[in-house]
Amino acid sequence: MILMTGATGALGRLVAARLTGRDDVVIGSRAPEAVPAGMPSRLIDFEDPASLEEGFAGVDTLLLISAGYGEDDVVIARHGAAIEAAEKAGVSHIVYTSLSAAGDHLAYALAHRWTERRLREGTANWTILRNGLYAELLATLAPVVDGRITAPLGSGRLAAVAREDLADVAALVATDASAHAARTYELVGEEAVGGAELAAALTEATGSTVSYEPSTLAEAREAFTALGLASFQVPMLVGTYSSIANGFMDGTDGDLRSLLGTAPRSALEIIAGKSSR
């Protein structure tokens, strides 16, 4: 039996759709009523030990989709509880959606690296899917306002990856986990995209001129602070801009194509709304 968590999140919904119809898949969620229709579910709450003990019973493979961003101690506690409970329940293999190696420069990397270490030191077999930043996230971080992209990306670029491709890989690995035991896969896009490329692609797609006029990190921090975000989110987002702008997120070498068996989706086409796959 395969149990996946996080099925109500942006990535998880896509993975769940790929697993629909299989009789060996169950969805673990603290909100079972939100699970995609037709898929069996179990209550899984990372902060409720009893739900983990019962929920992981009889599970062979756990697809552990990262439990969301928060302060490091919160995320680490959630992941640690899930892994410990899975081991006690006899889960033989844990597949974890982590963060790309380039993401070490990001504020939210530590919890991912802690989880990877915990898996390697544990008793279950493991596979780590190091996901790059989504093309869809880049579209959110670099919106067009009044014909301009002002995100502080500098001259940097991001090897953005389509969320759909990451979902394809997660479903593929989870359903054949033993073939991927003790493997860490780097899943980044094959094209590095910057503000100028975004502006050009959106100009072509919309027929209206879009310019790239990067602002500063200080201006971005002020804007995010004004939105009333949680205190940990502001440095997380500003740090993401900084890592891209300073050339730490543009590496395109990875395992995505070999796992997909085809060329990855184009990040620019995803952002411009032109993807045909």
Protein backbone atom coordinates (compact mmCIF):
# COMPACT_ATOMS: atom_id res chain seq x y z
CA MET A 1 0.00 0.00 0.00
CA ILE A 2 1.12 3.53 -0.84
CA LEU A 3 0.09 6.41 1.39
CA MET A 4 0.72 9.99 0.33
CA THR A 5 0.45 13.11 2.43
CA GLY A 6 -0.18 16.69 1.35
CA ALA A 7 -2.79 15.81 -1.25
CA THR A 8 -4.66 19.09 -0.73
CA GLY A 9 -1.63 21.25 -1.56
CA ALA A 10 -0.68 22.59 -4.98
CA LEU A 11 1.81 19.80 -5.71
CA GLY A 12 -0.08 17.13 -3.82
CA ARG A 13 -3.28 17.61 -5.80
CA LEU A 14 -1.38 16.97 -9.01
CA VAL A 15 0.28 13.85 -7.63
CA ALA A 16 -3.05 12.55 -6.32
CA ALA A 17 -4.59 13.01 -9.76
CA ARG A 18 -1.89 10.78 -11.22
CA LEU A 19 -2.56 8.09 -8.63
CA THR A 20 -6.34 8.13 -9.00
CA GLY A 21 -7.78 4.74 -9.88
CA ARG A 22 -5.06 2.66 -8.27
CA ASP A 23 -6.35 0.25 -5.64
CA ASP A 24 -3.11 0.39 -3.66
CA VAL A 25 -3.12 4.12 -2.90
CA VAL A 26 -4.61 5.91 0.09
CA ILE A 27 -4.47 9.61 0.92
CA GLY A 28 -3.40 10.76 4.36
CA SER A 29 -4.76 14.13 5.43
CA ARG A 30 -5.83 16.01 8.54
CA ALA A 31 -8.81 17.14 6.46
CA PRO A 32 -10.07 13.93 4.81
CA GLU A 33 -13.15 15.75 3.54
CA ALA A 34 -10.85 17.78 1.27
CA VAL A 35 -9.30 14.72 -0.37
CA PRO A 36 -10.03 14.34 -4.10
CA ALA A 37 -13.30 12.55 -4.71
CA GLY A 38 -13.10 8.81 -5.16
CA MET A 39 -9.79 8.36 -3.37
CA PRO A 40 -9.70 6.45 -0.07
CA SER A 41 -8.33 8.48 2.82
CA ARG A 42 -7.09 8.21 6.37
CA LEU A 43 -6.70 10.82 9.06
CA ILE A 44 -3.04 11.84 9.21
CA ASP A 45 -2.15 14.79 11.40
CA PHE A 46 1.57 15.30 11.98
CA GLU A 47 0.78 16.92 15.32
CA ASP A 48 -1.47 14.06 16.50
CA PRO A 49 0.61 10.94 17.34
CA ALA A 50 -2.45 8.71 17.58
CA SER A 51 -3.47 9.53 14.02
CA LEU A 52 0.01 8.64 12.77
CA GLU A 53 0.07 5.31 14.56
CA GLU A 54 -3.28 4.30 13.10
CA GLY A 55 -2.82 5.98 9.73
CA PHE A 56 0.46 4.31 8.83
CA ALA A 57 -0.71 0.79 9.71
CA GLY A 58 -0.27 -1.57 6.76
CA VAL A 59 1.54 1.01 4.63
CA ASP A 60 4.51 -0.15 2.55
CA THR A 61 5.53 3.14 0.88
CA LEU A 62 5.02 6.61 2.30
CA LEU A 63 5.13 9.55 -0.09
CA LEU A 64 5.92 12.33 2.34
CA ILE A 65 5.21 15.66 0.71
CA SER A 66 6.87 18.38 2.72
CA ALA A 67 4.57 19.62 5.47
CA GLY A 68 4.54 23.24 4.43
CA TYR A 69 6.64 26.22 5.30
CA GLY A 70 6.85 27.47 8.85
CA GLU A 71 9.48 28.17 11.43
CA ASP A 72 12.18 25.49 11.31
CA ASP A 73 11.23 23.96 14.64
CA VAL A 74 7.62 23.50 13.53
CA VAL A 75 8.46 21.86 10.19
CA ILE A 76 11.16 19.67 11.70
CA ALA A 77 8.80 18.49 14.43
CA ARG A 78 6.17 17.55 11.86
CA HIS A 79 8.58 15.65 9.64
CA GLY A 80 10.29 13.99 12.57
CA ALA A 81 7.00 12.77 14.00
CA ALA A 82 5.90 11.38 10.64
CA ILE A 83 9.15 9.53 10.00
CA GLU A 84 9.32 8.08 13.51
CA ALA A 85 5.73 6.88 13.32
CA ALA A 86 6.28 5.39 9.86
CA GLU A 87 9.30 3.46 11.08
CA LYS A 88 7.41 2.13 14.09
CA ALA A 89 4.54 1.07 11.84
CA GLY A 90 6.92 -0.91 9.63
CA VAL A 91 6.74 1.31 6.55
CA SER A 92 9.49 -0.05 4.33
CA HIS A 93 10.15 2.96 2.08
CA ILE A 94 9.76 6.73 2.45
CA VAL A 95 9.83 9.02 -0.58
CA TYR A 96 10.33 12.66 0.43
CA THR A 97 9.86 15.83 -1.61
CA SER A 98 12.78 18.03 -0.62
CA LEU A 99 14.50 21.13 -2.01
CA SER A 100 17.15 21.32 -4.72
CA ALA A 101 20.81 21.51 -3.70
CA ALA A 102 20.96 25.08 -4.99
CA GLY A 103 18.28 25.87 -2.45
CA ASP A 104 20.81 25.68 0.37
CA HIS A 105 20.99 29.46 0.07
CA LEU A 106 17.30 29.81 0.87
CA ALA A 107 15.90 30.53 4.31
CA TYR A 108 13.70 27.43 4.27
CA ALA A 109 16.41 24.92 3.34
CA LEU A 110 17.39 23.79 6.83
CA ALA A 111 14.24 21.82 7.59
CA HIS A 112 14.59 19.96 4.29
CA ARG A 113 18.22 19.07 4.96
CA TRP A 114 17.37 17.94 8.49
CA THR A 115 14.67 15.67 7.07
CA GLU A 116 17.05 14.21 4.52
CA ARG A 117 19.58 13.45 7.26
CA ARG A 118 16.89 11.88 9.43
CA LEU A 119 15.86 9.60 6.57
CA ARG A 120 19.43 8.52 5.89
CA GLU A 121 19.95 7.71 9.56
CA GLY A 122 16.64 5.88 9.88
CA THR A 123 15.52 2.29 9.45
CA ALA A 124 13.32 2.62 6.35
CA ASN A 125 14.52 2.69 2.77
CA TRP A 126 14.36 6.18 1.32
CA THR A 127 14.32 8.24 -1.86
CA ILE A 128 14.78 12.01 -1.88
CA LEU A 129 13.25 14.16 -4.60
CA ARG A 130 15.05 17.50 -4.50
CA ASN A 131 12.52 19.74 -6.20
CA GLY A 132 13.60 23.00 -7.79
CA LEU A 133 11.51 26.14 -7.40
CA TYR A 134 8.32 26.06 -9.42
CA ALA A 135 7.79 28.00 -12.62
CA GLU A 136 4.41 28.84 -11.11
CA LEU A 137 6.15 30.36 -8.08
CA LEU A 138 8.33 32.52 -10.31
CA ALA A 139 5.19 33.80 -12.03
CA THR A 140 3.84 34.80 -8.61
CA LEU A 141 7.11 36.40 -7.51
CA ALA A 142 7.44 38.37 -10.75
CA PRO A 143 3.95 39.64 -11.61
CA VAL A 144 3.25 42.17 -14.31
CA VAL A 145 1.88 45.43 -12.92
CA ASP A 146 1.11 48.30 -15.30
CA GLY A 147 3.13 46.63 -18.03
CA ARG A 148 6.22 46.17 -15.90
CA ILE A 149 7.95 43.38 -14.03
CA THR A 150 9.66 44.99 -11.05
CA ALA A 151 10.72 41.91 -9.09
CA PRO A 152 14.30 42.37 -7.78
CA LEU A 153 15.82 39.53 -9.78
CA GLY A 154 18.76 41.59 -10.99
CA SER A 155 20.47 39.84 -13.86
CA GLY A 156 20.02 36.47 -12.19
CA ARG A 157 18.09 33.50 -13.51
CA LEU A 158 16.16 30.60 -12.01
CA ALA A 159 16.16 27.01 -13.30
CA ALA A 160 12.42 26.95 -12.75
CA VAL A 161 10.57 23.65 -13.05
CA ALA A 162 6.94 22.96 -13.91
CA ARG A 163 4.95 21.64 -10.98
CA GLU A 164 3.32 19.14 -13.36
CA ASP A 165 6.73 17.59 -14.09
CA LEU A 166 7.49 17.23 -10.40
CA ALA A 167 4.13 15.55 -9.89
CA ASP A 168 4.90 13.12 -12.71
CA VAL A 169 8.18 12.17 -11.07
CA ALA A 170 6.70 11.81 -7.59
CA ALA A 171 4.00 9.46 -8.85
CA LEU A 172 6.50 7.46 -10.90
CA VAL A 173 8.92 7.00 -8.01
CA ALA A 174 6.27 6.30 -5.36
CA THR A 175 4.72 3.51 -7.42
CA ASP A 176 8.09 1.80 -8.01
CA ALA A 177 9.96 2.89 -4.91
CA SER A 178 12.31 -0.07 -4.59
CA ALA A 179 13.85 0.80 -7.98
CA HIS A 180 14.86 4.18 -6.55
CA ALA A 181 16.12 3.15 -3.12
CA ALA A 182 18.89 5.30 -1.61
CA ARG A 183 18.73 7.75 -4.51
CA THR A 184 18.72 11.53 -4.30
CA TYR A 185 17.41 13.17 -7.45
CA GLU A 186 17.98 16.79 -8.45
CA LEU A 187 14.83 18.01 -10.19
CA VAL A 188 15.47 21.41 -11.72
CA GLY A 189 14.43 22.93 -15.02
CA GLU A 190 16.58 22.80 -18.11
CA GLU A 191 16.24 26.50 -18.91
CA ALA A 192 17.28 29.29 -16.58
CA VAL A 193 14.78 32.13 -16.65
CA GLY A 194 15.37 35.75 -15.63
CA GLY A 195 13.35 38.93 -15.60
CA ALA A 196 14.29 39.92 -19.14
CA GLU A 197 13.27 36.52 -20.51
CA LEU A 198 9.99 36.71 -18.63
CA ALA A 199 9.23 40.14 -20.03
CA ALA A 200 10.00 39.03 -23.59
CA ALA A 201 7.88 35.87 -23.30
CA LEU A 202 4.92 37.74 -21.85
CA THR A 203 5.21 40.46 -24.50
CA GLU A 204 5.01 37.80 -27.20
CA ALA A 205 2.18 35.91 -25.49
CA THR A 206 -0.03 38.93 -24.80
CA GLY A 207 0.84 41.23 -27.66
CA SER A 208 1.35 44.03 -25.14
CA THR A 209 4.78 45.33 -24.26
CA VAL A 210 6.07 44.12 -20.90
CA SER A 211 9.28 45.66 -19.58
CA TYR A 212 11.66 44.46 -16.90
CA GLU A 213 12.60 47.19 -14.43
CA PRO A 214 13.94 45.49 -11.30
CA SER A 215 13.36 47.13 -7.95
CA THR A 216 15.54 46.67 -4.86
CA LEU A 217 15.39 44.06 -2.14
CA ALA A 218 14.53 46.79 0.36
CA GLU A 219 11.53 47.78 -1.72
CA ALA A 220 10.41 44.17 -1.93
CA ARG A 221 10.77 43.76 1.83
CA GLU A 222 8.64 46.84 2.41
CA ALA A 223 5.96 45.57 0.05
CA PHE A 224 5.82 42.12 1.65
CA THR A 225 5.76 43.60 5.14
CA ALA A 226 2.82 45.79 4.16
CA LEU A 227 0.86 42.68 3.15
CA GLY A 228 0.81 41.50 6.76
CA LEU A 229 2.56 38.21 6.08
CA ALA A 230 3.76 35.98 8.89
CA SER A 231 7.08 37.21 10.23
CA PHE A 232 9.05 34.24 8.88
CA GLN A 233 7.65 34.67 5.38
CA VAL A 234 9.18 38.08 4.63
CA PRO A 235 12.86 37.02 4.89
CA MET A 236 11.95 33.77 3.12
CA LEU A 237 10.62 35.63 0.09
CA VAL A 238 13.28 38.36 0.05
CA GLY A 239 15.98 35.69 0.39
CA THR A 240 14.53 33.87 -2.59
CA TYR A 241 14.86 37.00 -4.71
CA SER A 242 18.41 37.53 -3.47
CA SER A 243 19.49 33.96 -4.24
CA ILE A 244 18.15 34.22 -7.77
CA ALA A 245 19.55 37.69 -8.39
CA ASN A 246 23.03 36.68 -7.27
CA GLY A 247 23.29 33.61 -9.48
CA PHE A 248 22.78 30.78 -7.00
CA MET A 249 19.67 29.26 -8.58
CA ASP A 250 20.51 29.00 -12.28
CA GLY A 251 22.09 25.54 -12.47
CA THR A 252 20.23 23.31 -14.94
CA ASP A 253 22.01 19.98 -14.43
CA GLY A 254 19.64 17.42 -12.98
CA ASP A 255 17.73 14.17 -13.30
CA LEU A 256 14.37 15.46 -14.49
CA ARG A 257 14.64 14.47 -18.14
CA SER A 258 15.96 10.97 -17.42
CA LEU A 259 13.13 10.26 -14.98
CA LEU A 260 10.41 11.72 -17.19
CA GLY A 261 11.75 10.01 -20.28
CA THR A 262 11.06 13.18 -22.26
CA ALA A 263 11.94 16.85 -22.31
CA PRO A 264 10.62 18.79 -19.30
CA ARG A 265 7.92 21.38 -19.79
CA SER A 266 9.15 24.87 -20.62
CA ALA A 267 9.09 27.22 -17.65
CA LEU A 268 8.58 30.20 -19.94
CA GLU A 269 5.65 28.54 -21.65
CA ILE A 270 4.12 27.69 -18.27
CA ILE A 271 4.39 31.30 -17.13
CA ALA A 272 3.10 32.65 -20.44
CA GLY A 273 0.23 30.17 -20.39
CA LYS A 274 1.30 28.42 -23.57
CA SER A 275 2.28 24.96 -22.35
CA SER A 276 0.77 22.26 -24.54
CA ARG A 277 1.53 19.29 -22.29
